Structures are given as C-alpha cells and as structure tokens.
Protein backbone atom coordinates (compact mmCIF):
# COMPACT_ATOMS: atom_id res chain seq x y z
CA MET A 1 3.55 7.46 -9.05
CA ARG A 2 0.40 9.42 -8.10
CA GLU A 3 -0.12 10.39 -11.76
CA LEU A 4 0.13 6.72 -12.74
CA ARG A 5 -2.55 5.81 -10.18
CA GLY A 6 -4.86 8.47 -11.65
CA VAL A 7 -4.31 7.11 -15.15
CA LEU A 8 -4.96 3.55 -13.96
CA LEU A 9 -8.21 4.59 -12.28
CA ALA A 10 -9.29 6.42 -15.46
CA VAL A 11 -8.56 3.31 -17.54
CA LEU A 12 -10.49 1.10 -15.11
CA THR A 13 -13.45 3.47 -15.26
CA ALA A 14 -13.34 3.61 -19.07
CA CYS A 15 -13.36 -0.18 -19.18
CA GLY A 16 -16.49 -0.33 -17.03
CA ALA A 17 -14.84 -1.08 -13.69
CA GLU A 18 -16.18 0.70 -10.65
CA ALA A 19 -13.47 3.20 -9.77
CA SER A 20 -13.42 6.76 -8.57
CA VAL A 21 -10.98 9.59 -8.05
CA GLU A 22 -11.63 9.31 -4.31
CA GLY A 23 -9.82 5.99 -4.16
CA ALA A 24 -9.56 2.41 -5.19
CA SER A 25 -11.08 0.67 -2.17
CA GLY A 26 -12.68 -2.57 -3.14
CA GLN A 27 -10.99 -2.67 -6.54
CA ALA A 28 -8.61 -5.43 -7.59
CA PRO A 29 -5.18 -3.86 -7.96
CA PRO A 30 -3.76 -3.60 -11.48
CA PRO A 31 -0.69 -5.73 -12.27
CA GLY A 32 2.36 -4.54 -10.37
CA MET A 33 0.26 -2.68 -7.80
CA LEU A 34 -0.81 -3.42 -4.21
CA GLY A 35 -4.11 -2.24 -2.73
CA CYS A 36 -3.55 0.14 0.19
CA GLY A 37 -6.78 1.50 1.65
CA PRO A 38 -8.21 3.85 -0.98
CA ASP A 39 -5.05 3.78 -3.11
CA PHE A 40 -2.59 1.53 -4.94
CA CYS A 41 1.13 1.23 -4.23
CA GLY A 42 3.76 0.20 -6.77
CA ILE A 43 5.03 -3.22 -5.61
CA ALA A 44 8.53 -2.64 -7.02
CA ASP A 45 9.27 0.57 -5.10
CA GLU A 46 6.64 1.07 -2.37
CA TYR A 47 4.97 -0.72 0.52
CA CYS A 48 1.61 -0.04 2.13
CA MET A 49 1.77 1.54 5.60
CA ILE A 50 -1.39 1.23 7.72
CA TYR A 51 -1.83 3.15 10.96
CA VAL A 52 -4.58 1.43 12.97
CA SER A 53 -6.31 3.78 15.39
CA ASP A 54 -7.24 2.62 18.87
CA GLN A 55 -9.03 5.93 19.50
CA GLY A 56 -12.03 5.30 17.25
CA ASP A 57 -10.59 7.37 14.40
CA ALA A 58 -10.41 6.04 10.86
CA ASN A 59 -7.33 4.01 10.02
CA GLN A 60 -4.78 5.84 7.89
CA TYR A 61 -3.16 4.37 4.78
CA ARG A 62 -0.20 5.58 2.75
CA CYS A 63 2.22 4.27 0.18
CA ALA A 64 5.78 4.66 1.37
CA PRO A 65 9.02 4.17 -0.55
CA PHE A 66 11.24 1.33 0.60
CA PRO A 67 14.10 2.53 2.79
CA SER A 68 17.38 2.50 0.88
CA GLY A 69 18.57 -0.58 2.79
CA CYS A 70 15.43 -2.51 1.81
CA ALA A 71 15.17 -1.51 -1.86
CA SER A 72 16.98 -4.68 -2.98
CA ASN A 73 15.84 -6.73 0.04
CA ARG A 74 12.06 -6.31 0.00
CA HIS A 75 11.15 -8.52 2.96
CA CYS A 76 9.22 -7.95 6.18
CA ASP A 77 12.33 -8.45 8.32
CA CYS A 78 14.01 -5.51 6.61
CA LEU A 79 11.00 -3.20 7.03
CA ILE A 80 10.35 -4.04 10.68
CA ASP A 81 14.06 -4.08 11.61
CA GLY A 82 13.43 -4.50 15.34
CA ARG A 83 10.79 -1.77 15.66
CA LEU A 84 8.09 -2.68 18.17
CA GLY A 85 4.34 -2.42 17.53
CA LEU A 86 4.57 -3.29 13.83
CA THR A 87 3.30 -6.27 11.91
CA CYS A 88 4.14 -7.08 8.32
CA GLU A 89 2.64 -9.38 5.74
CA GLY A 90 3.23 -10.18 2.10
CA ASP A 91 6.33 -10.74 0.02
CA ALA A 92 8.38 -9.11 -2.73
CA GLU A 93 6.17 -10.53 -5.48
CA SER A 94 2.73 -9.70 -4.04
CA GLY A 95 3.71 -6.54 -2.15
CA LEU A 96 4.31 -5.74 1.51
CA THR A 97 1.93 -4.24 4.04
CA LEU A 98 3.29 -2.82 7.28
CA THR A 99 0.77 -2.17 10.07
CA SER A 100 1.29 0.02 13.12
CA LEU A 101 -1.14 -0.84 15.91
CA GLY A 102 -2.55 1.83 18.20
CA GLY A 103 -2.25 5.57 18.10
C-alpha cells in the first residue's frame, strides 16, 4: 500500500497538483483513499488512526488494517468495540477515522 501512495503522489505532482514525498496533508484524497494526516489510507482495507497528544506534542497519524472481525463489517461500532477514550467518524464508503484522545 505504501508503494501505491508514492505512485499516487507522483501522479498528482506530474498533473500539477501540490504534493510532496513528505506527505499528502492538504491534498484531496484520490478515489478509494482517505486522508490521514500526511498520508492516505486505502478505504477498502485500512482506517485512519489518530493519536491526539495532550502533552503539547504533535498528533500522530497512521493507517491501520481493519481487524479481522471488522474486515467485512467496516463500521465505527466494530472498531471501537467497547474501548474507552476513542471516537470514530465516517462510514464504509467514505472511510473511517478512529481518534484516541490524550497521551
């Protein structure tokens, strides 16, 4: 998936879009992708995980694969699954973003 992101950024750059190898922040995600901080996640097999710092550090972003139990049930309820301190937004079509507050 990382190689695909690099190719997509190269194509965006070649087409005149503002993109860089450092990340995709501020760029509209390509079809089938979800913006996740400086990166893009594949909507079909990944969600965006955001770790929000309450210590003044920069927030951390990463694309994470759906847990096996959520691969065919891509909904917030499945990702949160009773874990405290998490929020989730989005849906299977637009992509899911899970946020962990504090830390």
